[in-house]
C-alpha atoms as a PDB file:
ATOM      1  CA  MET A   1      23.659 -46.422  16.134  1.00  0.00           C
ATOM      2  CA  SER A   2      26.627 -46.148  13.785  1.00  0.00           C
ATOM      3  CA  ASN A   3      28.305 -42.861  12.964  1.00  0.00           C
ATOM      4  CA  ILE A   4      26.922 -43.080   9.427  1.00  0.00           C
ATOM      5  CA  SER A   5      23.361 -43.501  10.712  1.00  0.00           C
ATOM      6  CA  LYS A   6      23.786 -40.567  13.098  1.00  0.00           C
ATOM      7  CA  SER A   7      25.114 -38.417  10.264  1.00  0.00           C
ATOM      8  CA  VAL A   8      22.178 -39.309   8.010  1.00  0.00           C
ATOM      9  CA  SER A   9      19.705 -38.588  10.812  1.00  0.00           C
ATOM     10  CA  THR A  10      21.297 -35.202  11.526  1.00  0.00           C
ATOM     11  CA  LEU A  11      21.245 -34.303   7.827  1.00  0.00           C
ATOM     12  CA  GLU A  12      17.563 -35.222   7.572  1.00  0.00           C
ATOM     13  CA  GLU A  13      16.728 -33.092  10.602  1.00  0.00           C
ATOM     14  CA  THR A  14      18.672 -30.153   9.177  1.00  0.00           C
ATOM     15  CA  ARG A  15      16.959 -30.383   5.804  1.00  0.00           C
ATOM     16  CA  THR A  16      13.531 -30.802   7.394  1.00  0.00           C
ATOM     17  CA  GLY A  17      14.185 -27.639   9.381  1.00  0.00           C
ATOM     18  CA  LEU A  18      15.224 -25.796   6.218  1.00  0.00           C
ATOM     19  CA  CYS A  19      12.049 -26.943   4.459  1.00  0.00           C
ATOM     20  CA  ASP A  20       9.909 -25.760   7.359  1.00  0.00           C
ATOM     21  CA  GLU A  21      11.634 -22.368   7.324  1.00  0.00           C
ATOM     22  CA  PHE A  22      11.215 -22.068   3.540  1.00  0.00           C
ATOM     23  CA  VAL A  23       7.493 -22.856   3.835  1.00  0.00           C
ATOM     24  CA  SER A  24       6.989 -20.287   6.611  1.00  0.00           C
ATOM     25  CA  ILE A  25       8.670 -17.549   4.555  1.00  0.00           C
ATOM     26  CA  THR A  26       7.128 -18.272   1.160  1.00  0.00           C
ATOM     27  CA  GLY A  27       3.739 -19.687   2.094  1.00  0.00           C
ATOM     28  CA  SER A  28       4.389 -22.663  -0.204  1.00  0.00           C
ATOM     29  CA  ASP A  29       4.295 -26.354   0.754  1.00  0.00           C
ATOM     30  CA  SER A  30       6.999 -28.852   1.729  1.00  0.00           C
ATOM     31  CA  ALA A  31       7.244 -30.349  -1.765  1.00  0.00           C
ATOM     32  CA  VAL A  32       7.964 -26.946  -3.318  1.00  0.00           C
ATOM     33  CA  ALA A  33      10.421 -26.173  -0.528  1.00  0.00           C
ATOM     34  CA  GLN A  34      12.327 -29.414  -1.036  1.00  0.00           C
ATOM     35  CA  CYS A  35      12.460 -28.855  -4.799  1.00  0.00           C
ATOM     36  CA  TYR A  36      13.908 -25.328  -4.602  1.00  0.00           C
ATOM     37  CA  LEU A  37      16.322 -26.150  -1.778  1.00  0.00           C
ATOM     38  CA  ALA A  38      17.634 -29.266  -3.517  1.00  0.00           C
ATOM     39  CA  GLU A  39      18.153 -27.350  -6.769  1.00  0.00           C
ATOM     40  CA  ASN A  40      20.179 -24.752  -4.867  1.00  0.00           C
ATOM     41  CA  ASP A  41      22.385 -27.092  -2.818  1.00  0.00           C
ATOM     42  CA  TRP A  42      20.224 -26.542   0.273  1.00  0.00           C
ATOM     43  CA  GLU A  43      21.333 -22.916   0.565  1.00  0.00           C
ATOM     44  CA  MET A  44      18.361 -20.968   1.885  1.00  0.00           C
ATOM     45  CA  GLU A  45      19.150 -17.569   0.374  1.00  0.00           C
ATOM     46  CA  ARG A  46      19.742 -18.967  -3.110  1.00  0.00           C
ATOM     47  CA  ALA A  47      16.565 -21.051  -2.910  1.00  0.00           C
ATOM     48  CA  LEU A  48      14.449 -18.086  -1.815  1.00  0.00           C
ATOM     49  CA  ASN A  49      15.851 -15.869  -4.563  1.00  0.00           C
ATOM     50  CA  SER A  50      15.128 -18.561  -7.129  1.00  0.00           C
ATOM     51  CA  PHE A  51      11.571 -19.017  -5.853  1.00  0.00           C
ATOM     52  CA  PHE A  52      10.697 -15.327  -5.858  1.00  0.00           C
ATOM     53  CA  GLU A  53      12.317 -14.628  -9.229  1.00  0.00           C
ATOM     54  CA  ALA A  54      10.293 -17.436 -10.788  1.00  0.00           C
ATOM     55  CA  ASP A  55       7.222 -16.121  -9.007  1.00  0.00           C
ATOM     56  CA  MET A  56       7.734 -12.656 -10.457  1.00  0.00           C
ATOM     57  CA  GLU A  57       8.050 -14.022 -13.991  1.00  0.00           C
ATOM     58  CA  ALA A  58       4.878 -16.082 -13.599  1.00  0.00           C
ATOM     59  CA  VAL A  59       2.727 -13.404 -11.997  1.00  0.00           C
ATOM     60  CA  PHE A  60       3.898 -10.314 -13.865  1.00  0.00           C
ATOM     61  CA  ALA A  61       4.022 -11.802 -17.349  1.00  0.00           C
ATOM     62  CA  VAL A  62       3.154  -8.442 -18.893  1.00  0.00           C
ATOM     63  CA  GLU A  63       4.836  -6.256 -21.455  1.00  0.00           C
ATOM     64  CA  ASP A  64       4.843  -2.496 -21.698  1.00  0.00           C
ATOM     65  CA  SER A  65       1.588  -1.327 -23.227  1.00  0.00           C
ATOM     66  CA  PRO A  66       1.779   0.096 -26.772  1.00  0.00           C
ATOM     67  CA  LYS A  67       1.824   3.862 -26.829  1.00  0.00           C
ATOM     68  CA  ASP A  68      -1.426   4.062 -28.770  1.00  0.00           C
ATOM     69  CA  SER A  69      -3.347   1.635 -26.566  1.00  0.00           C
ATOM     70  CA  SER A  70      -6.009   2.910 -24.189  1.00  0.00           C
ATOM     71  CA  PRO A  71      -5.877   2.113 -20.457  1.00  0.00           C
ATOM     72  CA  PRO A  72      -8.899   0.431 -18.844  1.00  0.00           C
ATOM     73  CA  LYS A  73     -10.012   3.730 -17.339  1.00  0.00           C
ATOM     74  CA  VAL A  74      -8.797   7.262 -17.891  1.00  0.00           C
ATOM     75  CA  LYS A  75      -7.391   8.541 -14.631  1.00  0.00           C
ATOM     76  CA  ARG A  76      -5.038  11.319 -15.712  1.00  0.00           C
ATOM     77  CA  GLN A  77      -5.336  14.211 -18.083  1.00  0.00           C
ATOM     78  CA  LYS A  78      -2.727  16.380 -19.743  1.00  0.00           C
ATOM     79  CA  LEU A  79      -2.376  19.952 -18.672  1.00  0.00           C
ATOM     80  CA  ASP A  80      -3.377  22.596 -21.196  1.00  0.00           C
ATOM     81  CA  LYS A  81      -0.060  24.364 -20.800  1.00  0.00           C
ATOM     82  CA  PRO A  82       3.369  23.012 -19.875  1.00  0.00           C
ATOM     83  CA  GLN A  83       4.332  23.850 -16.328  1.00  0.00           C
ATOM     84  CA  GLY A  84       7.685  24.947 -15.037  1.00  0.00           C
ATOM     85  CA  LYS A  85       9.989  22.794 -12.972  1.00  0.00           C
ATOM     86  CA  VAL A  86       8.155  21.293  -9.999  1.00  0.00           C
ATOM     87  CA  ASP A  87      10.022  21.353  -6.715  1.00  0.00           C
ATOM     88  CA  CYS A  88       9.245  18.927  -3.925  1.00  0.00           C
ATOM     89  CA  ILE A  89      10.033  17.861  -0.409  1.00  0.00           C
ATOM     90  CA  ASP A  90      12.546  15.021  -0.269  1.00  0.00           C
ATOM     91  CA  LEU A  91      11.073  12.414   2.077  1.00  0.00           C
ATOM     92  CA  THR A  92      14.079  10.108   1.801  1.00  0.00           C
ATOM     93  CA  THR A  93      15.974  11.863   4.592  1.00  0.00           C
ATOM     94  CA  GLU A  94      14.975  12.319   8.208  1.00  0.00           C
ATOM     95  CA  GLU A  95      15.076  16.116   8.198  1.00  0.00           C
ATOM     96  CA  PRO A  96      14.923  17.277   4.576  1.00  0.00           C
ATOM     97  CA  ALA A  97      15.157  20.942   3.716  1.00  0.00           C
ATOM     98  CA  CYS A  98      12.049  22.574   2.291  1.00  0.00           C
ATOM     99  CA  SER A  99      12.118  24.022  -1.196  1.00  0.00           C
ATOM    100  CA  SER A 100      12.725  27.745  -1.373  1.00  0.00           C
ATOM    101  CA  SER A 101      11.171  28.066  -4.816  1.00  0.00           C
ATOM    102  CA  ASN A 102       7.891  29.914  -5.324  1.00  0.00           C
ATOM    103  CA  THR A 103       6.596  26.954  -7.332  1.00  0.00           C
ATOM    104  CA  LYS A 104       5.294  24.239  -5.038  1.00  0.00           C
ATOM    105  CA  SER A 105       4.579  20.619  -5.756  1.00  0.00           C
ATOM    106  CA  THR A 106       0.994  19.434  -5.466  1.00  0.00           C
ATOM    107  CA  ASP A 107      -0.024  19.176  -1.816  1.00  0.00           C
ATOM    108  CA  SER A 108      -1.793  15.836  -1.485  1.00  0.00           C
ATOM    109  CA  SER A 109      -1.932  15.681   2.312  1.00  0.00           C
ATOM    110  CA  LYS A 110      -5.596  16.606   2.506  1.00  0.00           C
ATOM    111  CA  SER A 111      -7.760  16.778   5.580  1.00  0.00           C
ATOM    112  CA  VAL A 112      -8.702  13.123   5.715  1.00  0.00           C
ATOM    113  CA  GLU A 113      -5.697  11.531   4.051  1.00  0.00           C
ATOM    114  CA  PRO A 114      -3.178  10.697   6.799  1.00  0.00           C
ATOM    115  CA  LYS A 115      -0.025   8.829   5.866  1.00  0.00           C
ATOM    116  CA  ALA A 116       2.237   7.594   8.607  1.00  0.00           C
ATOM    117  CA  LYS A 117       5.995   8.091   8.613  1.00  0.00           C
ATOM    118  CA  LEU A 118       7.329   4.958  10.248  1.00  0.00           C
ATOM    119  CA  LYS A 119      10.582   3.954  11.878  1.00  0.00           C
ATOM    120  CA  ALA A 120      12.504   0.997  10.561  1.00  0.00           C
ATOM    121  CA  SER A 121      11.980  -1.971  12.833  1.00  0.00           C
ATOM    122  CA  GLY A 122      15.644  -2.855  12.679  1.00  0.00           C
ATOM    123  CA  SER A 123      16.882   0.541  13.825  1.00  0.00           C
ATOM    124  CA  GLU A 124      14.795   0.946  16.946  1.00  0.00           C
ATOM    125  CA  GLU A 125      12.749  -1.413  19.077  1.00  0.00           C
ATOM    126  CA  GLN A 126       9.116  -1.085  18.108  1.00  0.00           C
ATOM    127  CA  ASP A 127       6.562  -0.029  20.706  1.00  0.00           C
ATOM    128  CA  ASP A 128       4.006  -2.858  20.676  1.00  0.00           C
ATOM    129  CA  SER A 129       1.261  -0.532  21.885  1.00  0.00           C
ATOM    130  CA  LYS A 130       1.489   1.692  18.793  1.00  0.00           C
ATOM    131  CA  LEU A 131      -0.321   0.906  15.562  1.00  0.00           C
ATOM    132  CA  SER A 132       1.765   1.488  12.432  1.00  0.00           C
ATOM    133  CA  LEU A 133       0.206   2.260   9.059  1.00  0.00           C
ATOM    134  CA  ILE A 134       1.283   2.848   5.462  1.00  0.00           C
ATOM    135  CA  SER A 135      -0.820   4.062   2.518  1.00  0.00           C
ATOM    136  CA  TRP A 136       0.440   3.484  -1.033  1.00  0.00           C
ATOM    137  CA  ASN A 137      -0.940   3.975  -4.546  1.00  0.00           C
ATOM    138  CA  VAL A 138       0.905   1.224  -6.433  1.00  0.00           C
ATOM    139  CA  ASP A 139      -0.138   2.470  -9.914  1.00  0.00           C
ATOM    140  CA  GLY A 140      -0.898  -1.034 -11.136  1.00  0.00           C
ATOM    141  CA  LEU A 141      -2.279   0.102 -14.495  1.00  0.00           C
ATOM    142  CA  ASP A 142       1.174   1.299 -15.507  1.00  0.00           C
ATOM    143  CA  THR A 143       2.981  -1.884 -16.564  1.00  0.00           C
ATOM    144  CA  VAL A 144       6.400  -0.209 -16.881  1.00  0.00           C
ATOM    145  CA  ASN A 145       8.738  -1.833 -14.328  1.00  0.00           C
ATOM    146  CA  LEU A 146       5.701  -3.325 -12.601  1.00  0.00           C
ATOM    147  CA  GLY A 147       7.592  -6.313 -11.203  1.00  0.00           C
ATOM    148  CA  GLU A 148      10.425  -4.160  -9.914  1.00  0.00           C
ATOM    149  CA  ARG A 149       7.986  -1.802  -8.216  1.00  0.00           C
ATOM    150  CA  ALA A 150       6.158  -4.739  -6.619  1.00  0.00           C
ATOM    151  CA  ARG A 151       9.448  -5.997  -5.200  1.00  0.00           C
ATOM    152  CA  GLY A 152      10.082  -2.490  -3.891  1.00  0.00           C
ATOM    153  CA  LEU A 153       6.759  -2.487  -2.056  1.00  0.00           C
ATOM    154  CA  CYS A 154       7.567  -5.830  -0.439  1.00  0.00           C
ATOM    155  CA  SER A 155      10.973  -4.504   0.599  1.00  0.00           C
ATOM    156  CA  TYR A 156       9.284  -1.610   2.396  1.00  0.00           C
ATOM    157  CA  LEU A 157       6.862  -3.992   4.090  1.00  0.00           C
ATOM    158  CA  ALA A 158       9.807  -6.043   5.330  1.00  0.00           C
ATOM    159  CA  LEU A 159      11.643  -2.907   6.486  1.00  0.00           C
ATOM    160  CA  TYR A 160       8.795  -1.159   8.305  1.00  0.00           C
ATOM    161  CA  THR A 161       6.547  -4.155   9.176  1.00  0.00           C
ATOM    162  CA  PRO A 162       3.396  -1.994   9.335  1.00  0.00           C
ATOM    163  CA  ASP A 163       0.308  -3.315  11.088  1.00  0.00           C
ATOM    164  CA  VAL A 164      -2.063  -1.882   8.478  1.00  0.00           C
ATOM    165  CA  VAL A 165      -1.447  -1.128   4.798  1.00  0.00           C
ATOM    166  CA  PHE A 166      -3.825   0.844   2.567  1.00  0.00           C
ATOM    167  CA  LEU A 167      -3.291   0.145  -1.141  1.00  0.00           C
ATOM    168  CA  GLN A 168      -4.800   1.801  -4.208  1.00  0.00           C
ATOM    169  CA  GLU A 169      -4.715   0.927  -7.930  1.00  0.00           C
ATOM    170  CA  LEU A 170      -4.106  -2.751  -7.334  1.00  0.00           C
ATOM    171  CA  ILE A 171      -4.545  -5.223 -10.183  1.00  0.00           C
ATOM    172  CA  GLU A 172      -5.165  -8.946  -9.793  1.00  0.00           C
ATOM    173  CA  PRO A 173      -1.589 -10.105 -10.647  1.00  0.00           C
ATOM    174  CA  TYR A 174      -0.275  -7.687  -8.012  1.00  0.00           C
ATOM    175  CA  VAL A 175      -2.578  -9.235  -5.410  1.00  0.00           C
ATOM    176  CA  GLN A 176      -1.468 -12.750  -6.376  1.00  0.00           C
ATOM    177  CA  TYR A 177       2.143 -11.733  -5.881  1.00  0.00           C
ATOM    178  CA  LEU A 178       1.478 -10.096  -2.513  1.00  0.00           C
ATOM    179  CA  LYS A 179      -0.380 -13.175  -1.288  1.00  0.00           C
ATOM    180  CA  LYS A 180       2.677 -15.299  -2.059  1.00  0.00           C
ATOM    181  CA  ARG A 181       5.217 -12.871  -0.657  1.00  0.00           C
ATOM    182  CA  ALA A 182       3.417 -11.262   2.283  1.00  0.00           C
ATOM    183  CA  VAL A 183       2.146 -14.419   3.968  1.00  0.00           C
ATOM    184  CA  SER A 184       2.087 -12.749   7.391  1.00  0.00           C
ATOM    185  CA  TYR A 185      -0.719 -10.431   6.244  1.00  0.00           C
ATOM    186  CA  THR A 186      -4.422 -10.887   5.675  1.00  0.00           C
ATOM    187  CA  ILE A 187      -5.236  -9.269   2.322  1.00  0.00           C
ATOM    188  CA  ILE A 188      -8.718  -7.876   1.654  1.00  0.00           C
ATOM    189  CA  GLU A 189      -9.546  -6.768  -1.878  1.00  0.00           C
ATOM    190  CA  GLY A 190     -11.918  -3.968  -2.816  1.00  0.00           C
ATOM    191  CA  GLY A 191     -12.615  -5.500  -6.228  1.00  0.00           C
ATOM    192  CA  LYS A 192     -11.584  -8.099  -8.787  1.00  0.00           C
ATOM    193  CA  GLU A 193     -11.782  -6.391 -12.164  1.00  0.00           C
ATOM    194  CA  GLY A 194      -9.750  -3.529 -13.588  1.00  0.00           C
ATOM    195  CA  TYR A 195      -8.004  -1.778 -10.722  1.00  0.00           C
ATOM    196  CA  PHE A 196      -9.113  -1.521  -7.109  1.00  0.00           C
ATOM    197  CA  THR A 197      -8.134  -0.852  -3.503  1.00  0.00           C
ATOM    198  CA  GLY A 198      -6.859  -3.281  -0.900  1.00  0.00           C
ATOM    199  CA  LEU A 199      -6.133  -3.673   2.801  1.00  0.00           C
ATOM    200  CA  MET A 200      -3.260  -5.625   4.326  1.00  0.00           C
ATOM    201  CA  LEU A 201      -3.552  -6.475   8.022  1.00  0.00           C
ATOM    202  CA  LYS A 202      -0.755  -8.103  10.007  1.00  0.00           C
ATOM    203  CA  LYS A 203      -2.106 -11.423  11.258  1.00  0.00           C
ATOM    204  CA  SER A 204      -0.108 -11.441  14.488  1.00  0.00           C
ATOM    205  CA  ARG A 205      -1.301  -7.979  15.538  1.00  0.00           C
ATOM    206  CA  VAL A 206      -4.646  -7.224  13.897  1.00  0.00           C
ATOM    207  CA  LYS A 207      -7.701  -9.481  14.118  1.00  0.00           C
ATOM    208  CA  VAL A 208     -10.246  -9.077  11.319  1.00  0.00           C
ATOM    209  CA  LEU A 209     -13.859  -9.050  12.516  1.00  0.00           C
ATOM    210  CA  ASN A 210     -15.695  -8.031   9.358  1.00  0.00           C
ATOM    211  CA  SER A 211     -15.186  -6.283   6.020  1.00  0.00           C
ATOM    212  CA  ASP A 212     -17.350  -4.542   3.452  1.00  0.00           C
ATOM    213  CA  VAL A 213     -17.154  -2.727   0.119  1.00  0.00           C
ATOM    214  CA  ILE A 214     -19.347   0.370  -0.193  1.00  0.00           C
ATOM    215  CA  SER A 215     -20.116   1.465  -3.740  1.00  0.00           C
ATOM    216  CA  TYR A 216     -20.081   5.050  -4.958  1.00  0.00           C
ATOM    217  CA  PRO A 217     -23.284   5.130  -7.059  1.00  0.00           C
ATOM    218  CA  SER A 218     -22.182   7.737  -9.613  1.00  0.00           C
ATOM    219  CA  THR A 219     -18.485   6.900 -10.018  1.00  0.00           C
ATOM    220  CA  GLN A 220     -17.191   6.740 -13.576  1.00  0.00           C
ATOM    221  CA  MET A 221     -13.832   5.265 -12.554  1.00  0.00           C
ATOM    222  CA  MET A 222     -14.695   2.078 -10.641  1.00  0.00           C
ATOM    223  CA  ARG A 223     -14.100   3.724  -7.258  1.00  0.00           C
ATOM    224  CA  ASN A 224     -15.487   2.541  -3.899  1.00  0.00           C
ATOM    225  CA  LEU A 225     -14.847   2.532  -0.158  1.00  0.00           C
ATOM    226  CA  LEU A 226     -13.190  -0.527   1.390  1.00  0.00           C
ATOM    227  CA  VAL A 227     -13.941  -0.986   5.095  1.00  0.00           C
ATOM    228  CA  ALA A 228     -12.723  -3.491   7.681  1.00  0.00           C
ATOM    229  CA  GLU A 229     -13.736  -3.806  11.309  1.00  0.00           C
ATOM    230  CA  VAL A 230     -10.746  -5.074  13.272  1.00  0.00           C
ATOM    231  CA  LYS A 231      -9.392  -5.435  16.782  1.00  0.00           C
ATOM    232  CA  PHE A 232      -5.936  -4.235  17.819  1.00  0.00           C
ATOM    233  CA  ARG A 233      -4.807  -4.860  21.413  1.00  0.00           C
ATOM    234  CA  ASP A 234      -8.425  -5.073  22.635  1.00  0.00           C
ATOM    235  CA  GLN A 235      -9.281  -1.793  20.872  1.00  0.00           C
ATOM    236  CA  GLU A 236     -11.926  -1.981  18.163  1.00  0.00           C
ATOM    237  CA  LEU A 237     -10.977  -0.112  15.005  1.00  0.00           C
ATOM    238  CA  CYS A 238     -12.635   0.632  11.700  1.00  0.00           C
ATOM    239  CA  VAL A 239      -9.978   0.945   8.977  1.00  0.00           C
ATOM    240  CA  MET A 240     -11.017   2.359   5.614  1.00  0.00           C
ATOM    241  CA  THR A 241      -9.310   3.173   2.342  1.00  0.00           C
ATOM    242  CA  SER A 242     -10.488   4.641  -0.931  1.00  0.00           C
ATOM    243  CA  HIS A 243      -9.331   6.138  -4.202  1.00  0.00           C
ATOM    244  CA  PHE A 244     -11.525   9.125  -4.995  1.00  0.00           C
ATOM    245  CA  GLU A 245     -12.376  10.204  -8.530  1.00  0.00           C
ATOM    246  CA  SER A 246      -9.368  11.663 -10.352  1.00  0.00           C
ATOM    247  CA  CYS A 247      -8.806  14.895 -12.291  1.00  0.00           C
ATOM    248  CA  LYS A 248      -9.887  18.483 -11.737  1.00  0.00           C
ATOM    249  CA  GLY A 249     -13.153  18.106 -13.642  1.00  0.00           C
ATOM    250  CA  GLN A 250     -14.423  15.434 -11.246  1.00  0.00           C
ATOM    251  CA  ALA A 251     -14.644  17.704  -8.193  1.00  0.00           C
ATOM    252  CA  GLU A 252     -18.398  17.212  -7.690  1.00  0.00           C
ATOM    253  CA  GLU A 253     -18.114  13.423  -7.733  1.00  0.00           C
ATOM    254  CA  ARG A 254     -15.094  13.579  -5.443  1.00  0.00           C
ATOM    255  CA  MET A 255     -17.056  15.624  -2.895  1.00  0.00           C
ATOM    256  CA  LYS A 256     -19.929  13.120  -3.057  1.00  0.00           C
ATOM    257  CA  GLN A 257     -17.459  10.360  -2.255  1.00  0.00           C
ATOM    258  CA  LEU A 258     -16.008  12.363   0.628  1.00  0.00           C
ATOM    259  CA  ARG A 259     -19.494  12.774   2.088  1.00  0.00           C
ATOM    260  CA  VAL A 260     -19.979   8.988   1.981  1.00  0.00           C
ATOM    261  CA  VAL A 261     -16.718   8.498   3.878  1.00  0.00           C
ATOM    262  CA  LEU A 262     -17.484  11.148   6.489  1.00  0.00           C
ATOM    263  CA  LYS A 263     -20.951   9.699   7.084  1.00  0.00           C
ATOM    264  CA  ARG A 264     -19.464   6.246   7.580  1.00  0.00           C
ATOM    265  CA  MET A 265     -16.984   7.731  10.059  1.00  0.00           C
ATOM    266  CA  THR A 266     -19.676   9.398  12.133  1.00  0.00           C
ATOM    267  CA  ASP A 267     -22.008   6.376  12.059  1.00  0.00           C
ATOM    268  CA  VAL A 268     -19.649   4.014  13.907  1.00  0.00           C
ATOM    269  CA  PRO A 269     -20.204   3.371  17.639  1.00  0.00           C
ATOM    270  CA  SER A 270     -18.443   5.741  20.017  1.00  0.00           C
ATOM    271  CA  ASN A 271     -16.131   3.002  21.303  1.00  0.00           C
ATOM    272  CA  VAL A 272     -14.675   2.402  17.816  1.00  0.00           C
ATOM    273  CA  THR A 273     -11.758   4.428  16.435  1.00  0.00           C
ATOM    274  CA  VAL A 274     -11.853   5.066  12.675  1.00  0.00           C
ATOM    275  CA  LEU A 275      -8.705   5.302  10.551  1.00  0.00           C
ATOM    276  CA  PHE A 276      -9.169   6.447   6.963  1.00  0.00           C
ATOM    277  CA  GLY A 277      -6.461   7.003   4.368  1.00  0.00           C
ATOM    278  CA  GLY A 278      -5.807   6.585   0.696  1.00  0.00           C
ATOM    279  CA  ASP A 279      -5.554   8.518  -2.533  1.00  0.00           C
ATOM    280  CA  THR A 280      -8.335  11.089  -2.259  1.00  0.00           C
ATOM    281  CA  ASN A 281      -7.198  13.559  -4.954  1.00  0.00           C
ATOM    282  CA  LEU A 282      -8.912  16.183  -2.776  1.00  0.00           C
ATOM    283  CA  ARG A 283      -8.275  19.902  -2.982  1.00  0.00           C
ATOM    284  CA  ASP A 284      -8.562  21.897   0.248  1.00  0.00           C
ATOM    285  CA  THR A 285     -11.406  23.937  -1.250  1.00  0.00           C
ATOM    286  CA  GLU A 286     -13.425  20.760  -1.805  1.00  0.00           C
ATOM    287  CA  VAL A 287     -13.141  19.792   1.857  1.00  0.00           C
ATOM    288  CA  THR A 288     -14.322  23.289   2.778  1.00  0.00           C
ATOM    289  CA  LYS A 289     -17.304  23.044   0.408  1.00  0.00           C
ATOM    290  CA  VAL A 290     -18.620  19.884   2.095  1.00  0.00           C
ATOM    291  CA  GLY A 291     -18.534  21.679   5.438  1.00  0.00           C
ATOM    292  CA  GLY A 292     -15.090  20.669   6.653  1.00  0.00           C
ATOM    293  CA  LEU A 293     -14.436  17.808   9.025  1.00  0.00           C
ATOM    294  CA  PRO A 294     -17.231  16.789  11.406  1.00  0.00           C
ATOM    295  CA  SER A 295     -16.799  17.042  15.152  1.00  0.00           C
ATOM    296  CA  GLY A 296     -14.592  14.236  16.398  1.00  0.00           C
ATOM    297  CA  VAL A 297     -12.800  13.761  13.049  1.00  0.00           C
ATOM    298  CA  CYS A 298      -9.249  15.069  12.749  1.00  0.00           C
ATOM    299  CA  ASP A 299      -6.345  15.077  10.315  1.00  0.00           C
ATOM    300  CA  VAL A 300      -3.477  12.960  11.676  1.00  0.00           C
ATOM    301  CA  TRP A 301      -0.880  15.203  10.020  1.00  0.00           C
ATOM    302  CA  ASP A 302      -2.413  18.222  11.781  1.00  0.00           C
ATOM    303  CA  GLN A 303      -2.515  16.395  15.105  1.00  0.00           C
ATOM    304  CA  LEU A 304       1.151  15.424  14.856  1.00  0.00           C
ATOM    305  CA  GLY A 305       2.329  19.003  14.477  1.00  0.00           C
ATOM    306  CA  LYS A 306       2.085  19.662  10.719  1.00  0.00           C
ATOM    307  CA  GLN A 307       5.704  18.722  10.096  1.00  0.00           C
ATOM    308  CA  GLU A 308       6.662  20.292   6.781  1.00  0.00           C
ATOM    309  CA  HIS A 309       8.851  17.417   5.589  1.00  0.00           C
ATOM    310  CA  CYS A 310       5.831  15.075   5.892  1.00  0.00           C
ATOM    311  CA  ARG A 311       3.403  17.420   4.168  1.00  0.00           C
ATOM    312  CA  TYR A 312       3.754  16.131   0.628  1.00  0.00           C
ATOM    313  CA  THR A 313       2.665  12.567   0.027  1.00  0.00           C
ATOM    314  CA  TRP A 314       4.023  12.327  -3.516  1.00  0.00           C
ATOM    315  CA  ASP A 315       7.785  12.815  -3.687  1.00  0.00           C
ATOM    316  CA  THR A 316       8.442  13.831  -7.290  1.00  0.00           C
ATOM    317  CA  LYS A 317      12.176  13.195  -6.934  1.00  0.00           C
ATOM    318  CA  ALA A 318      11.880   9.642  -5.657  1.00  0.00           C
ATOM    319  CA  ASN A 319       8.899   8.810  -7.890  1.00  0.00           C
ATOM    320  CA  SER A 320      10.482   9.478 -11.252  1.00  0.00           C
ATOM    321  CA  ASN A 321       8.270   7.074 -13.223  1.00  0.00           C
ATOM    322  CA  LYS A 322       5.900   9.916 -14.103  1.00  0.00           C
ATOM    323  CA  SER A 323       6.616  13.107 -16.018  1.00  0.00           C
ATOM    324  CA  VAL A 324       5.239  15.590 -13.502  1.00  0.00           C
ATOM    325  CA  PRO A 325       5.111  18.691 -15.755  1.00  0.00           C
ATOM    326  CA  SER A 326       2.957  16.800 -18.294  1.00  0.00           C
ATOM    327  CA  TRP A 327       0.522  14.924 -16.084  1.00  0.00           C
ATOM    328  CA  THR A 328      -1.701  15.662 -13.146  1.00  0.00           C
ATOM    329  CA  GLU A 329      -4.180  13.901 -10.918  1.00  0.00           C
END
């Protein structure tokens, strides 16, 4: 074989390998891979950036909603009186200092709403025997910076590589984007219309056995309970997420929904471990009114020592897209 033939063969092998890598990352096909790589001089990083930027424009082709337009469902209400400055716990540092102010931010770490604080996979070798989990309300109904926030979510998924992800307030374009970006996850949707919950399960670590959507009969806000039966390292799990009814005036409905969740927890076989998390909007008094947590059900935050810097699940400094003094869940 001549030197020219060898060179051509090597080039073909290299480009075939690049196409295969592009397909594995993006979940596209070889034709799409070849197109983007060729347009970007066969430089992988440039090709991937081009693919995902085009994907964002196609999926999130939305504009900011007019100020006088009504959202699909009312989920927030204005406070009767303006509140003072709201302090918070900064979750962006490993050991943040607690606020010394008498005014506290809303405590959303309720009795059945665990949210895991995870270690970056790049900073420390992950223990394969431990299940990692993230819960996130993506606020899909708010179209302001929606694409940027979706990219941010995917960045966190890449950084922490959680085994299980609970998502609330998804919208269909968001799901389409996640399916193209997060190809290493099985995505289960809790609905198709309006906004809904979702589960993401890492294919290499979590095997899906079954899934179900349980309706809340009297919900006025399209809320339900999304359940998946899975297997993790030979251990059967039942993972569940929900977004309970919002706003102070919906306490009775919220407690009904909590009762549905607690009953589902206690109905599973004794060999199955249940993990529930999400955006419950619960107040501590509401948990008390339904009788507290049943025997065998515990709050993960309590079990892990009630660390103060993990107490607040909405960081009002990092999440600056909402005007906290004017709005409340």
